[in-house]
C-alpha atoms as a PDB file:
ATOM      1  CA  MET A   1       2.907  -9.307  91.726  1.00  0.00           C
ATOM      2  CA  LYS A   2       4.199 -12.882  91.770  1.00  0.00           C
ATOM      3  CA  LEU A   3       7.174 -11.763  93.851  1.00  0.00           C
ATOM      4  CA  ILE A   4       4.862 -10.136  96.401  1.00  0.00           C
ATOM      5  CA  PHE A   5       2.747 -13.280  96.754  1.00  0.00           C
ATOM      6  CA  ARG A   6       5.847 -15.441  97.093  1.00  0.00           C
ATOM      7  CA  GLY A   7       7.261 -13.104  99.729  1.00  0.00           C
ATOM      8  CA  LYS A   8       4.000 -13.153 101.699  1.00  0.00           C
ATOM      9  CA  ARG A   9       3.858 -16.951 101.433  1.00  0.00           C
ATOM     10  CA  PHE A  10       7.286 -17.156 103.045  1.00  0.00           C
ATOM     11  CA  GLY A  11       6.216 -14.808 105.831  1.00  0.00           C
ATOM     12  CA  PHE A  12       7.945 -11.600 104.778  1.00  0.00           C
ATOM     13  CA  SER A  13       6.224  -8.337 105.614  1.00  0.00           C
ATOM     14  CA  LEU A  14       5.116  -5.998 102.838  1.00  0.00           C
ATOM     15  CA  ASP A  15       7.777  -3.532 103.981  1.00  0.00           C
ATOM     16  CA  GLU A  16      10.482  -6.196 103.647  1.00  0.00           C
ATOM     17  CA  ILE A  17       9.226  -7.174 100.193  1.00  0.00           C
ATOM     18  CA  LYS A  18       9.115  -3.531  99.126  1.00  0.00           C
ATOM     19  CA  GLU A  19      12.663  -2.996 100.371  1.00  0.00           C
ATOM     20  CA  MET A  20      13.937  -6.034  98.462  1.00  0.00           C
ATOM     21  CA  VAL A  21      12.234  -4.880  95.251  1.00  0.00           C
ATOM     22  CA  LEU A  22      13.482  -1.302  95.586  1.00  0.00           C
ATOM     23  CA  LEU A  23      17.037  -2.490  96.190  1.00  0.00           C
ATOM     24  CA  PHE A  24      17.115  -3.844  92.646  1.00  0.00           C
ATOM     25  CA  ASP A  25      16.086  -0.417  91.333  1.00  0.00           C
ATOM     26  CA  ARG A  26      19.036   1.149  93.156  1.00  0.00           C
ATOM     27  CA  ASP A  27      21.564  -1.553  92.262  1.00  0.00           C
ATOM     28  CA  ARG A  28      20.924  -3.206  88.895  1.00  0.00           C
ATOM     29  CA  THR A  29      23.585  -5.830  89.567  1.00  0.00           C
ATOM     30  CA  GLY A  30      21.145  -7.369  92.031  1.00  0.00           C
ATOM     31  CA  VAL A  31      23.897  -7.870  94.614  1.00  0.00           C
ATOM     32  CA  ALA A  32      22.308  -5.681  97.305  1.00  0.00           C
ATOM     33  CA  GLN A  33      18.908  -7.264  96.693  1.00  0.00           C
ATOM     34  CA  LEU A  34      20.330 -10.779  96.952  1.00  0.00           C
ATOM     35  CA  GLU A  35      22.280  -9.945 100.108  1.00  0.00           C
ATOM     36  CA  ARG A  36      19.194  -8.479 101.778  1.00  0.00           C
ATOM     37  CA  THR A  37      17.012 -11.359 100.630  1.00  0.00           C
ATOM     38  CA  ILE A  38      19.494 -13.861 102.066  1.00  0.00           C
ATOM     39  CA  SER A  39      19.589 -11.928 105.337  1.00  0.00           C
ATOM     40  CA  TYR A  40      15.799 -11.831 105.598  1.00  0.00           C
ATOM     41  CA  GLY A  41      15.634 -15.465 104.532  1.00  0.00           C
ATOM     42  CA  ASP A  42      18.095 -16.546 107.224  1.00  0.00           C
ATOM     43  CA  ARG A  43      16.085 -14.695 109.855  1.00  0.00           C
ATOM     44  CA  ARG A  44      12.822 -16.229 108.623  1.00  0.00           C
ATOM     45  CA  ILE A  45      14.334 -19.740 108.601  1.00  0.00           C
ATOM     46  CA  LYS A  46      15.337 -19.287 112.262  1.00  0.00           C
ATOM     47  CA  GLN A  47      11.784 -18.178 113.090  1.00  0.00           C
ATOM     48  CA  ILE A  48      10.336 -21.175 111.261  1.00  0.00           C
ATOM     49  CA  ASP A  49      12.731 -23.555 113.035  1.00  0.00           C
ATOM     50  CA  ALA A  50      11.742 -22.087 116.416  1.00  0.00           C
ATOM     51  CA  THR A  51       8.057 -22.457 115.563  1.00  0.00           C
ATOM     52  CA  ILE A  52       8.576 -26.058 114.470  1.00  0.00           C
ATOM     53  CA  GLN A  53      10.395 -26.826 117.715  1.00  0.00           C
ATOM     54  CA  GLU A  54       7.608 -25.238 119.767  1.00  0.00           C
ATOM     55  CA  LEU A  55       4.955 -27.160 117.836  1.00  0.00           C
ATOM     56  CA  ASN A  56       6.837 -30.453 118.259  1.00  0.00           C
ATOM     57  CA  GLU A  57       7.134 -29.860 122.003  1.00  0.00           C
ATOM     58  CA  MET A  58       3.454 -28.946 122.205  1.00  0.00           C
ATOM     59  CA  ARG A  59       2.526 -32.071 120.251  1.00  0.00           C
ATOM     60  CA  GLU A  60       4.618 -34.323 122.480  1.00  0.00           C
ATOM     61  CA  GLU A  61       3.023 -32.845 125.584  1.00  0.00           C
ATOM     62  CA  LEU A  62      -0.476 -33.195 124.150  1.00  0.00           C
ATOM     63  CA  VAL A  63       0.144 -36.808 123.097  1.00  0.00           C
ATOM     64  CA  SER A  64       1.423 -37.591 126.594  1.00  0.00           C
ATOM     65  CA  LEU A  65      -1.569 -35.929 128.260  1.00  0.00           C
ATOM     66  CA  ARG A  66      -3.974 -37.671 125.927  1.00  0.00           C
ATOM     67  CA  GLU A  67      -2.418 -41.040 126.716  1.00  0.00           C
ATOM     68  CA  SER A  68      -2.601 -40.442 130.462  1.00  0.00           C
ATOM     69  CA  PHE A  69      -6.236 -39.312 130.147  1.00  0.00           C
ATOM     70  CA  ALA A  70      -7.077 -42.427 128.122  1.00  0.00           C
ATOM     71  CA  VAL A  71      -5.507 -44.641 130.795  1.00  0.00           C
ATOM     72  CA  LYS A  72      -7.393 -42.786 133.518  1.00  0.00           C
ATOM     73  CA  LEU A  73     -10.661 -43.143 131.606  1.00  0.00           C
ATOM     74  CA  GLU A  74     -10.045 -46.844 131.090  1.00  0.00           C
ATOM     75  CA  LYS A  75      -9.408 -47.321 134.841  1.00  0.00           C
ATOM     76  CA  ILE A  76     -12.633 -45.491 135.684  1.00  0.00           C
ATOM     77  CA  ALA A  77     -14.556 -47.650 133.229  1.00  0.00           C
ATOM     78  CA  GLU A  78     -13.008 -50.823 134.701  1.00  0.00           C
ATOM     79  CA  GLU A  79     -13.895 -49.708 138.243  1.00  0.00           C
ATOM     80  CA  ARG A  80     -17.484 -49.043 137.207  1.00  0.00           C
ATOM     81  CA  ASN A  81     -17.740 -52.470 135.560  1.00  0.00           C
ATOM     82  CA  TYR A  82     -16.190 -54.122 138.626  1.00  0.00           C
ATOM     83  CA  ASP A  83     -18.665 -52.412 140.975  1.00  0.00           C
ATOM     84  CA  GLU A  84     -21.649 -53.532 138.945  1.00  0.00           C
END
């Protein structure tokens, strides 16, 4: 059960986890299981890296927009105070 929870935590599907567990039953040396786990792990790492990159880009864009909106709001407030 611990292996299933760990696999889910790392983003593996239940089918992938099942396959990794069953591989050990077929090959008691654990070689096939380790090879498959490494393969799935490499793929998952690439997905995580892509997600991180997307999130960083999204964050940078949002920070930039927020800063420009704050400047715009400040200018509007200054214009209102000047007109009064």
